[in-house]
Amino acid sequence: MRASICDVQGLDELLEIASQLPGGSGNGGAEPLCGDGSDRKFFRIFCGGRSLIGLLSPRRVKAPSVDENDSYFLIGNHLCARGLPAPRILYANTEAGRFLLEDAGDMHLQRFVLSRRNRLESIYTHVIRLLGELHRKAPDGFEPGFCFDSVLYEPSFVFERELEYFRKSFVNGCMGFETTADQLRPDFEAIAEGAGETRRTLVFHRDFQSRNIMVHRAGLRLIDFQGMRFGPPAYDLASLLIDPYVRLPNRLQERFLELYWSLAGRRAGASKAEFLQKYEAVRFARNLQILGAFGFLGITRGKTQFLEYIPFAFEQLALHLFRTGRGRFPRLAKLVDAIGRRGFAHIVPGGNKSR
């Protein structure tokens, strides 16, 4: 084990437990893995000729309230039980926040497609099929008790956790505007009503993007699924198609939207027109959430690597607003115009360009 991680609390316990699992040995070691936007710590643990993933995730709320650790354990087991490709959880102590998982490798989808952009259509066809399987199988047996912060993606959740997040963390915190809640409230309430759900019949991942999909042994694996809850499957599709980490061309976004509808859209219990209307609404919500997250991580948390993805995410917002929402959301349109004029050079070198 590297000296720099010898004193990480809980890691010695995971090494000991790994050595006791079938195929383990007493001479294990570990190396830290780079995290993303999360505060959780991941390690690759080597034990008896194989590798596992160790996860250390401090609990944030006391039992019996459901914590993110509980959701990770319950939803991970649920996905595996439904035959969906999530890493198996081999050991879990949710109270202490210590997990041992199957190793799903190092190749997330973003990295996989970087040198294979001429194969985007073929690769993403497989991803869309996986998404359809997720939306078909995951609702069976999915329980409200699996969810740690909210059971349902309802309008109030959309408004506060995604749209207000955009205003506070991106518009004000990142771009330096002084926009109040009341200035955007009518538009935000309309978006939230269109995007939110009232039914507990369908479930979605809520962060289905290229860094949460691993390419491993010629297959795809799902990670970071702990935010899954009841809500609109179209949200996951929007997350995938406007993902700033990959920057799918707009023509492919449109093609994959049609592919998803042909494979899985009818399971949402809506007509194609209703499905597309829902997709447009959740696309706005997700796009605003993305910008809020990048602003928060890049400025508040000081993880400046996230700032480089802001121009493309903003370009996608401006394009979608121009196509489908400018007349319906005039306050948001006015703000987007002002942000576009200011540009992003103050936070991203060359940031007035999206690519």
Protein backbone atom coordinates (compact mmCIF):
# COMPACT_ATOMS: atom_id res chain seq x y z
CA MET A 1 0.00 0.00 0.00
CA ARG A 2 1.29 3.47 -0.82
CA ALA A 3 2.53 5.47 2.16
CA SER A 4 0.18 8.35 1.37
CA ILE A 5 -2.90 6.27 2.04
CA CYS A 6 -1.72 4.13 4.93
CA ASP A 7 -3.57 6.25 7.46
CA VAL A 8 -6.90 6.55 5.62
CA GLN A 9 -9.51 5.62 8.20
CA GLY A 10 -11.35 2.44 7.28
CA LEU A 11 -8.99 1.29 4.55
CA ASP A 12 -7.18 -1.23 6.75
CA GLU A 13 -10.54 -2.77 7.61
CA LEU A 14 -11.43 -3.14 3.93
CA LEU A 15 -8.06 -4.75 3.22
CA GLU A 16 -8.63 -7.23 6.02
CA ILE A 17 -12.15 -8.09 4.84
CA ALA A 18 -10.97 -8.43 1.23
CA SER A 19 -8.36 -10.95 2.35
CA GLN A 20 -11.11 -13.07 3.90
CA LEU A 21 -13.32 -13.20 0.82
CA PRO A 22 -13.12 -16.26 -1.45
CA GLY A 23 -9.90 -16.03 -3.46
CA GLY A 24 -8.37 -13.49 -1.10
CA SER A 25 -5.02 -13.53 0.65
CA GLY A 26 -3.32 -11.74 3.51
CA ASN A 27 -0.89 -9.78 1.36
CA GLY A 28 -3.15 -7.18 -0.19
CA GLY A 29 -2.42 -3.61 -1.17
CA ALA A 30 -4.36 -0.58 -2.35
CA GLU A 31 -4.02 2.45 -4.58
CA PRO A 32 -6.23 5.55 -4.60
CA LEU A 33 -8.49 6.21 -7.57
CA CYS A 34 -9.31 9.65 -8.83
CA GLY A 35 -12.75 10.81 -7.80
CA ASP A 36 -15.00 13.16 -9.70
CA GLY A 37 -17.40 15.63 -8.14
CA SER A 38 -18.07 13.50 -5.06
CA ASP A 39 -16.45 13.59 -1.61
CA ARG A 40 -16.36 9.81 -1.48
CA LYS A 41 -12.98 8.03 -1.66
CA PHE A 42 -12.32 5.09 -3.97
CA PHE A 43 -9.42 2.63 -3.92
CA ARG A 44 -8.37 -0.32 -6.01
CA ILE A 45 -7.59 -3.16 -3.64
CA PHE A 46 -5.30 -5.96 -4.80
CA CYS A 47 -5.88 -9.25 -3.09
CA GLY A 48 -4.98 -12.80 -4.09
CA GLY A 49 -4.40 -12.13 -7.77
CA ARG A 50 -7.59 -10.12 -8.28
CA SER A 51 -8.70 -6.56 -7.70
CA LEU A 52 -11.72 -5.09 -5.93
CA ILE A 53 -12.92 -1.55 -5.46
CA GLY A 54 -12.99 -0.15 -1.95
CA LEU A 55 -15.36 2.73 -1.23
CA LEU A 56 -15.22 4.95 1.85
CA SER A 57 -18.30 7.14 2.18
CA PRO A 58 -18.91 8.85 5.55
CA ARG A 59 -22.52 8.71 6.63
CA ARG A 60 -24.30 12.07 6.59
CA VAL A 61 -27.55 11.29 8.41
CA LYS A 62 -28.19 8.99 11.34
CA ALA A 63 -30.27 5.84 11.14
CA PRO A 64 -33.15 5.16 10.83
CA SER A 65 -33.22 7.96 8.25
CA VAL A 66 -32.08 6.77 4.84
CA ASP A 67 -28.57 7.93 3.98
CA GLU A 68 -26.79 7.95 0.62
CA ASN A 69 -24.91 4.83 1.80
CA ASP A 70 -28.19 2.99 2.34
CA SER A 71 -29.36 3.99 -1.13
CA TYR A 72 -26.11 2.82 -2.70
CA PHE A 73 -26.45 -0.58 -1.02
CA LEU A 74 -30.18 -1.07 -1.63
CA ILE A 75 -30.25 0.18 -5.21
CA GLY A 76 -27.04 -1.62 -6.14
CA ASN A 77 -28.46 -4.93 -4.94
CA HIS A 78 -31.77 -4.18 -6.63
CA LEU A 79 -30.12 -3.55 -10.00
CA CYS A 80 -28.11 -6.76 -9.77
CA ALA A 81 -31.22 -8.71 -8.81
CA ARG A 82 -32.99 -7.37 -11.90
CA GLY A 83 -30.11 -8.56 -14.10
CA LEU A 84 -28.77 -5.07 -14.79
CA PRO A 85 -25.00 -4.57 -15.09
CA ALA A 86 -24.08 -2.84 -11.83
CA PRO A 87 -20.97 -3.97 -9.93
CA ARG A 88 -21.86 -6.50 -7.25
CA ILE A 89 -21.51 -5.30 -3.67
CA LEU A 90 -19.35 -7.90 -1.94
CA TYR A 91 -19.30 -6.25 1.49
CA ALA A 92 -21.14 -3.28 2.97
CA ASN A 93 -21.15 -1.47 6.27
CA THR A 94 -23.57 1.34 5.54
CA GLU A 95 -23.30 2.85 9.03
CA ALA A 96 -19.52 3.25 8.73
CA GLY A 97 -19.66 3.90 4.99
CA ARG A 98 -17.37 1.07 3.89
CA PHE A 99 -17.95 -1.05 0.80
CA LEU A 100 -16.16 -3.63 -1.31
CA LEU A 101 -17.32 -3.86 -4.91
CA GLU A 102 -16.57 -5.76 -8.05
CA ASP A 103 -13.94 -3.98 -10.11
CA ALA A 104 -15.54 -2.47 -13.23
CA GLY A 105 -12.23 -1.24 -14.62
CA ASP A 106 -10.91 2.23 -15.41
CA MET A 107 -12.49 2.90 -18.80
CA HIS A 108 -15.52 5.12 -18.51
CA LEU A 109 -17.53 5.85 -21.63
CA GLN A 110 -16.16 9.37 -22.01
CA ARG A 111 -12.59 8.09 -22.25
CA PHE A 112 -13.62 5.18 -24.46
CA VAL A 113 -15.13 7.40 -27.16
CA LEU A 114 -12.35 10.01 -27.18
CA SER A 115 -10.36 8.05 -29.75
CA ARG A 116 -13.40 6.45 -31.37
CA ARG A 117 -15.52 9.40 -32.41
CA ASN A 118 -15.96 7.85 -35.85
CA ARG A 119 -17.86 5.06 -34.06
CA LEU A 120 -20.16 7.24 -31.98
CA GLU A 121 -23.34 5.97 -33.59
CA SER A 122 -22.45 2.32 -33.08
CA ILE A 123 -21.26 2.80 -29.50
CA TYR A 124 -24.22 4.91 -28.42
CA THR A 125 -26.67 2.48 -29.95
CA HIS A 126 -25.49 -0.02 -27.32
CA VAL A 127 -25.80 2.62 -24.59
CA ILE A 128 -29.36 3.48 -25.65
CA ARG A 129 -30.24 -0.21 -25.52
CA LEU A 130 -28.83 -0.40 -21.98
CA LEU A 131 -30.87 2.65 -21.01
CA GLY A 132 -34.01 1.01 -22.35
CA GLU A 133 -33.25 -2.12 -20.32
CA LEU A 134 -32.71 -0.04 -17.21
CA HIS A 135 -36.06 1.68 -17.62
CA ARG A 136 -37.81 -1.61 -18.33
CA LYS A 137 -36.38 -3.68 -15.49
CA ALA A 138 -35.60 -1.27 -12.66
CA PRO A 139 -39.21 -0.35 -11.70
CA ASP A 140 -39.97 -4.00 -10.81
CA GLY A 141 -39.61 -4.12 -7.03
CA PHE A 142 -38.19 -0.62 -6.67
CA GLU A 143 -39.20 0.70 -3.24
CA PRO A 144 -39.60 4.25 -1.90
CA GLY A 145 -37.38 3.22 1.01
CA PHE A 146 -34.44 2.92 -1.38
CA CYS A 147 -34.24 6.70 -1.85
CA PHE A 148 -32.12 8.83 0.46
CA ASP A 149 -33.10 12.44 -0.23
CA SER A 150 -36.35 12.39 -2.17
CA VAL A 151 -38.55 9.60 -3.41
CA LEU A 152 -40.08 11.41 -6.39
CA TYR A 153 -38.84 13.85 -9.00
CA GLU A 154 -41.75 16.18 -8.34
CA PRO A 155 -42.05 19.84 -9.41
CA SER A 156 -40.90 21.23 -6.06
CA PHE A 157 -37.77 19.09 -6.25
CA VAL A 158 -37.07 20.28 -9.81
CA PHE A 159 -37.52 23.91 -8.82
CA GLU A 160 -35.30 23.91 -5.75
CA ARG A 161 -32.70 21.27 -6.51
CA GLU A 162 -32.10 21.95 -10.18
CA LEU A 163 -33.41 25.33 -11.31
CA GLU A 164 -32.52 27.30 -8.18
CA TYR A 165 -29.20 25.42 -8.13
CA PHE A 166 -28.54 26.89 -11.58
CA ARG A 167 -29.42 30.41 -10.41
CA LYS A 168 -27.39 30.31 -7.20
CA SER A 169 -24.33 28.32 -8.26
CA PHE A 170 -23.97 29.20 -11.94
CA VAL A 171 -25.67 32.54 -12.62
CA ASN A 172 -24.64 34.25 -9.39
CA GLY A 173 -21.81 32.15 -8.00
CA CYS A 174 -19.95 31.47 -11.24
CA MET A 175 -20.96 34.23 -13.65
CA GLY A 176 -21.18 37.01 -11.07
CA PHE A 177 -24.76 38.16 -11.72
CA GLU A 178 -27.10 39.21 -8.91
CA THR A 179 -30.26 37.48 -10.02
CA THR A 180 -33.02 36.98 -7.44
CA ALA A 181 -35.40 34.05 -7.17
CA ASP A 182 -38.40 36.23 -8.05
CA GLN A 183 -36.83 37.40 -11.32
CA LEU A 184 -36.92 33.88 -12.75
CA ARG A 185 -39.76 32.37 -10.72
CA PRO A 186 -42.51 32.35 -13.41
CA ASP A 187 -40.28 30.62 -15.96
CA PHE A 188 -38.81 28.24 -13.40
CA GLU A 189 -42.25 27.25 -12.12
CA ALA A 190 -43.37 26.49 -15.68
CA ILE A 191 -40.28 24.38 -16.37
CA ALA A 192 -40.66 22.55 -13.05
CA GLU A 193 -44.31 21.75 -13.71
CA GLY A 194 -43.47 20.37 -17.14
CA ALA A 195 -40.49 18.33 -15.99
CA GLY A 196 -41.78 17.04 -12.65
CA GLU A 197 -43.78 13.87 -12.07
CA THR A 198 -46.60 12.98 -9.74
CA ARG A 199 -46.63 9.23 -10.40
CA ARG A 200 -44.51 6.58 -8.69
CA THR A 201 -44.59 4.11 -11.55
CA LEU A 202 -41.33 4.71 -13.46
CA VAL A 203 -37.78 5.17 -12.21
CA PHE A 204 -34.68 6.85 -13.57
CA HIS A 205 -30.96 6.97 -12.77
CA ARG A 206 -30.74 10.81 -12.57
CA ASP A 207 -27.07 10.99 -13.56
CA PHE A 208 -26.90 8.80 -16.65
CA GLN A 209 -23.86 10.30 -18.37
CA SER A 210 -20.59 9.10 -19.82
CA ARG A 211 -18.60 9.20 -16.58
CA ASN A 212 -21.13 6.96 -14.86
CA ILE A 213 -21.00 4.26 -17.53
CA MET A 214 -17.98 1.97 -17.55
CA VAL A 215 -16.76 -0.06 -20.51
CA HIS A 216 -15.48 -3.33 -19.09
CA ARG A 217 -14.80 -6.70 -20.70
CA ALA A 218 -16.64 -5.74 -23.88
CA GLY A 219 -19.72 -4.70 -21.92
CA LEU A 220 -21.21 -1.69 -20.17
CA ARG A 221 -21.51 -1.27 -16.41
CA LEU A 222 -23.60 1.24 -14.44
CA ILE A 223 -22.12 3.16 -11.53
CA ASP A 224 -23.17 6.06 -9.27
CA PHE A 225 -26.75 4.87 -9.20
CA GLN A 226 -27.54 5.92 -5.63
CA GLY A 227 -29.60 8.91 -6.80
CA MET A 228 -32.14 6.71 -8.59
CA ARG A 229 -35.75 7.52 -7.73
CA PHE A 230 -39.24 7.58 -9.19
CA GLY A 231 -39.52 9.96 -12.11
CA PRO A 232 -39.38 10.47 -15.88
CA PRO A 233 -37.12 8.13 -17.91
CA ALA A 234 -36.74 10.89 -20.52
CA TYR A 235 -34.50 12.70 -18.02
CA ASP A 236 -31.84 9.99 -18.33
CA LEU A 237 -32.01 10.24 -22.10
CA ALA A 238 -31.48 13.99 -21.91
CA SER A 239 -28.57 13.50 -19.50
CA LEU A 240 -26.91 11.19 -21.99
CA LEU A 241 -27.54 13.20 -25.13
CA ILE A 242 -26.48 16.66 -23.89
CA ASP A 243 -23.58 15.31 -21.83
CA PRO A 244 -20.81 17.95 -22.05
CA TYR A 245 -18.13 15.33 -21.43
CA VAL A 246 -18.73 13.79 -24.87
CA ARG A 247 -20.43 16.60 -26.85
CA LEU A 248 -22.59 14.56 -29.16
CA PRO A 249 -23.36 16.38 -32.42
CA ASN A 250 -26.94 17.65 -32.55
CA ARG A 251 -27.77 15.41 -35.51
CA LEU A 252 -26.84 12.35 -33.44
CA GLN A 253 -28.81 13.61 -30.47
CA GLU A 254 -31.90 13.72 -32.67
CA ARG A 255 -31.18 10.26 -34.08
CA PHE A 256 -30.71 8.71 -30.63
CA LEU A 257 -33.89 10.36 -29.38
CA GLU A 258 -35.76 8.56 -32.14
CA LEU A 259 -33.92 5.31 -31.39
CA TYR A 260 -34.86 5.42 -27.72
CA TRP A 261 -38.50 6.05 -28.59
CA SER A 262 -38.54 3.08 -30.96
CA LEU A 263 -36.94 0.79 -28.36
CA ALA A 264 -38.43 1.91 -25.07
CA GLY A 265 -40.44 5.12 -25.32
CA ARG A 266 -43.84 3.48 -25.40
CA ARG A 267 -43.25 1.94 -21.96
CA ALA A 268 -43.67 5.40 -20.44
CA GLY A 269 -47.42 5.08 -21.08
CA ALA A 270 -47.58 8.16 -23.28
CA SER A 271 -47.96 9.03 -26.94
CA LYS A 272 -44.89 10.06 -28.90
CA ALA A 273 -46.01 13.68 -28.79
CA GLU A 274 -46.39 13.51 -25.00
CA PHE A 275 -43.01 11.81 -24.67
CA LEU A 276 -41.30 14.49 -26.75
CA GLN A 277 -42.98 17.21 -24.70
CA LYS A 278 -41.68 15.61 -21.51
CA TYR A 279 -38.22 15.24 -23.06
CA GLU A 280 -38.11 18.95 -23.91
CA ALA A 281 -39.04 19.87 -20.34
CA VAL A 282 -36.57 17.57 -18.61
CA ARG A 283 -33.88 18.60 -21.09
CA PHE A 284 -34.19 22.16 -19.81
CA ALA A 285 -34.09 20.98 -16.20
CA ARG A 286 -31.07 18.76 -16.73
CA ASN A 287 -29.22 21.41 -18.73
CA LEU A 288 -29.72 23.96 -15.96
CA GLN A 289 -28.70 21.39 -13.34
CA ILE A 290 -25.49 20.63 -15.26
CA LEU A 291 -24.52 24.30 -15.34
CA GLY A 292 -25.31 24.65 -11.64
CA ALA A 293 -23.15 21.64 -10.84
CA PHE A 294 -20.20 22.84 -12.91
CA GLY A 295 -20.44 26.29 -11.34
CA PHE A 296 -20.56 24.81 -7.83
CA LEU A 297 -17.75 22.33 -8.37
CA GLY A 298 -15.56 24.71 -10.36
CA ILE A 299 -15.93 27.84 -8.22
CA THR A 300 -17.19 26.88 -4.77
CA ARG A 301 -15.24 23.63 -4.52
CA GLY A 302 -12.26 24.86 -6.53
CA LYS A 303 -12.30 21.88 -8.90
CA THR A 304 -11.48 24.02 -11.90
CA GLN A 305 -11.34 21.11 -14.33
CA PHE A 306 -15.14 21.26 -14.48
CA LEU A 307 -15.15 24.81 -15.81
CA GLU A 308 -13.98 23.76 -19.27
CA TYR A 309 -17.31 22.00 -19.86
CA ILE A 310 -19.42 25.08 -19.20
CA PRO A 311 -19.31 26.62 -22.72
CA PHE A 312 -20.73 23.52 -24.41
CA ALA A 313 -23.41 23.09 -21.74
CA PHE A 314 -24.38 26.72 -22.17
CA GLU A 315 -24.43 26.40 -25.95
CA GLN A 316 -26.85 23.47 -25.62
CA LEU A 317 -29.10 25.53 -23.34
CA ALA A 318 -29.12 28.51 -25.71
CA LEU A 319 -29.85 26.28 -28.70
CA HIS A 320 -32.73 24.44 -27.02
CA LEU A 321 -34.16 27.70 -25.70
CA PHE A 322 -34.07 29.23 -29.18
CA ARG A 323 -35.72 26.17 -30.74
CA THR A 324 -38.46 25.41 -28.25
CA GLY A 325 -38.64 27.81 -25.33
CA ARG A 326 -37.78 31.41 -26.09
CA GLY A 327 -41.38 32.56 -26.29
CA ARG A 328 -42.44 30.50 -23.28
CA PHE A 329 -39.57 31.45 -20.97
CA PRO A 330 -38.80 35.11 -21.71
CA ARG A 331 -37.03 35.78 -18.40
CA LEU A 332 -34.68 32.87 -18.85
CA ALA A 333 -34.11 33.87 -22.48
CA LYS A 334 -33.15 37.39 -21.43
CA LEU A 335 -30.71 36.03 -18.86
CA VAL A 336 -29.18 33.58 -21.34
CA ASP A 337 -28.67 36.43 -23.81
CA ALA A 338 -26.89 38.47 -21.11
CA ILE A 339 -24.65 35.54 -20.16
CA GLY A 340 -23.85 34.92 -23.82
CA ARG A 341 -22.76 38.53 -24.24
CA ARG A 342 -20.53 38.34 -21.16
CA GLY A 343 -18.93 35.07 -22.28
CA PHE A 344 -16.76 32.76 -20.23
CA ALA A 345 -13.25 34.07 -20.78
CA HIS A 346 -13.09 35.16 -17.13
CA ILE A 347 -13.46 31.55 -15.94
CA VAL A 348 -12.25 29.46 -18.89
CA PRO A 349 -9.32 30.45 -21.14
CA GLY A 350 -10.79 30.79 -24.63
CA GLY A 351 -14.15 30.32 -22.98
CA ASN A 352 -16.17 32.28 -25.52
CA LYS A 353 -16.03 29.17 -27.70
CA SER A 354 -17.93 26.02 -26.96
CA ARG A 355 -15.44 23.59 -28.49
